[in-house]
Amino acid sequence: MLQRIQTVYMAIALIVTGALPFVFPLWKVDGKDVFFMSEGIYVPLFGLSTALSVMAIISYAKRQNQFVMNRLNIILNLILLGLFVYRSLTVSGVTQKVPEKGIGMFLPIVAIVFLVLANKAIKKDEDLVKSADRLR
């Protein structure tokens, strides 16, 4: 059942957290792009988010497990977004110039949107299966 719409949404979330952080910088400091690999805390968080997306896609037969993994992934992306906001607000203006925010800081928001859409589609499928079981 890999052709379901929630799988497409989860695949987009997988691309957003797995591939796009290598392309888009998080911020610019002194004209240099800073990617997620330069900070030690962001690498495992992006990796865990990508792994959760892959596991959710693979477990397509168990919709409840997909739903739970997507919820965990949403929480993880909210933590990642919170770290980005904290980092951008607590940069010392004396030691370095204030960084310009990059598109990479907003990738968790995009991932959260697609994970919420996937959860809505999973819930819709689950309700459809329950209604079909009720008719028997």
Protein backbone atom coordinates (compact mmCIF):
# COMPACT_ATOMS: atom_id res chain seq x y z
CA MET A 1 0.00 0.00 0.00
CA LEU A 2 2.82 2.35 -0.80
CA GLN A 3 0.61 4.30 -3.23
CA ARG A 4 -1.55 5.86 -0.52
CA ILE A 5 -1.54 9.63 -0.12
CA GLN A 6 -0.12 9.50 3.40
CA THR A 7 2.92 7.69 2.02
CA VAL A 8 3.44 10.55 -0.41
CA TYR A 9 3.20 13.06 2.44
CA MET A 10 5.65 11.07 4.55
CA ALA A 11 8.03 10.77 1.57
CA ILE A 12 7.98 14.55 1.18
CA ALA A 13 8.72 14.92 4.91
CA LEU A 14 11.56 12.42 4.43
CA ILE A 15 13.04 14.51 1.62
CA VAL A 16 12.62 17.71 3.63
CA THR A 17 14.49 16.33 6.66
CA GLY A 18 16.88 13.98 4.85
CA ALA A 19 18.08 15.80 1.75
CA LEU A 20 17.20 19.48 1.91
CA PRO A 21 19.34 20.32 4.99
CA PHE A 22 22.37 19.55 2.82
CA VAL A 23 21.16 22.06 0.22
CA PHE A 24 19.79 24.98 2.23
CA PRO A 25 21.88 26.74 4.90
CA LEU A 26 20.48 27.38 8.36
CA TRP A 27 21.92 30.90 8.55
CA LYS A 28 24.74 33.08 7.27
CA VAL A 29 27.47 34.47 9.50
CA ASP A 30 29.88 37.00 8.00
CA GLY A 31 28.71 36.07 4.50
CA LYS A 32 29.42 32.35 4.97
CA ASP A 33 26.68 29.75 4.82
CA VAL A 34 26.29 27.65 7.97
CA PHE A 35 24.77 24.21 7.36
CA PHE A 36 23.35 21.83 9.95
CA MET A 37 26.51 19.72 9.98
CA SER A 38 28.54 22.47 11.67
CA GLU A 39 26.51 22.20 14.88
CA GLY A 40 26.75 18.87 16.69
CA ILE A 41 23.21 18.80 18.09
CA TYR A 42 21.41 19.18 14.75
CA VAL A 43 22.96 16.17 12.99
CA PRO A 44 21.40 13.47 15.21
CA LEU A 45 18.06 15.29 15.35
CA PHE A 46 17.78 15.52 11.56
CA GLY A 47 18.99 11.91 11.32
CA LEU A 48 16.42 10.69 13.82
CA SER A 49 13.66 12.57 12.04
CA THR A 50 14.69 10.99 8.74
CA ALA A 51 14.83 7.53 10.33
CA LEU A 52 11.35 7.96 11.83
CA SER A 53 10.00 8.93 8.41
CA VAL A 54 11.57 5.87 6.79
CA MET A 55 10.23 3.58 9.53
CA ALA A 56 6.74 5.07 9.18
CA ILE A 57 6.77 4.56 5.41
CA ILE A 58 7.96 0.96 5.77
CA SER A 59 5.29 0.09 8.36
CA TYR A 60 2.44 0.83 5.95
CA ALA A 61 0.50 -2.26 7.07
CA LYS A 62 0.14 -0.94 10.62
CA ARG A 63 -1.62 2.40 10.46
CA GLN A 64 -1.58 2.96 14.21
CA ASN A 65 2.22 2.55 14.30
CA GLN A 66 2.51 5.04 11.44
CA PHE A 67 0.33 7.48 13.33
CA VAL A 68 2.45 7.19 16.50
CA MET A 69 5.75 7.49 14.59
CA ASN A 70 4.47 10.59 12.81
CA ARG A 71 3.46 12.12 16.14
CA LEU A 72 6.94 11.43 17.54
CA ASN A 73 8.43 12.94 14.39
CA ILE A 74 6.28 16.06 14.81
CA ILE A 75 7.49 16.43 18.41
CA LEU A 76 11.10 15.95 17.26
CA ASN A 77 10.70 18.61 14.57
CA LEU A 78 9.16 20.99 17.12
CA ILE A 79 12.22 20.47 19.34
CA LEU A 80 14.46 21.12 16.34
CA LEU A 81 12.54 24.28 15.50
CA GLY A 82 12.78 25.41 19.12
CA LEU A 83 16.56 24.90 19.05
CA PHE A 84 16.78 26.97 15.87
CA VAL A 85 14.76 29.79 17.42
CA TYR A 86 16.81 29.64 20.63
CA ARG A 87 20.06 29.72 18.65
CA SER A 88 18.95 32.65 16.52
CA LEU A 89 17.77 34.67 19.54
CA THR A 90 20.77 34.08 21.80
CA VAL A 91 23.56 34.89 19.37
CA SER A 92 25.91 37.33 20.98
CA GLY A 93 26.06 40.53 18.99
CA VAL A 94 29.45 41.52 20.42
CA THR A 95 31.56 38.56 19.34
CA GLN A 96 30.06 38.06 15.90
CA LYS A 97 27.66 39.75 13.57
CA VAL A 98 23.99 38.84 13.86
CA PRO A 99 23.38 36.01 11.40
CA GLU A 100 20.90 36.19 8.59
CA LYS A 101 18.31 33.46 8.81
CA GLY A 102 18.38 30.94 6.00
CA ILE A 103 15.69 28.77 4.49
CA GLY A 104 17.11 25.78 6.35
CA MET A 105 15.69 27.08 9.63
CA PHE A 106 12.17 26.68 8.26
CA LEU A 107 12.55 23.07 7.07
CA PRO A 108 11.08 21.61 10.31
CA ILE A 109 7.93 23.69 9.74
CA VAL A 110 7.51 22.20 6.26
CA ALA A 111 8.10 18.70 7.63
CA ILE A 112 5.53 19.27 10.39
CA VAL A 113 2.92 20.38 7.86
CA PHE A 114 3.38 17.26 5.74
CA LEU A 115 3.41 14.97 8.78
CA VAL A 116 0.13 16.49 9.99
CA LEU A 117 -1.38 15.94 6.53
CA ALA A 118 -0.16 12.32 6.62
CA ASN A 119 -1.74 11.81 10.05
CA LYS A 120 -5.05 13.19 8.78
CA ALA A 121 -4.96 10.76 5.85
CA ILE A 122 -4.07 7.85 8.17
CA LYS A 123 -6.98 8.76 10.44
CA LYS A 124 -9.29 8.91 7.43
CA ASP A 125 -8.16 5.44 6.31
CA GLU A 126 -8.60 4.06 9.81
CA ASP A 127 -12.15 5.45 9.99
CA LEU A 128 -12.94 3.93 6.58
CA VAL A 129 -11.73 0.50 7.69
CA LYS A 130 -13.73 0.72 10.93
CA SER A 131 -16.90 1.67 9.04
CA ALA A 132 -16.41 -1.22 6.62
CA ASP A 133 -15.99 -3.64 9.54
CA ARG A 134 -19.17 -2.32 11.11
CA LEU A 135 -21.22 -3.18 8.00
CA ARG A 136 -20.27 -6.85 8.07
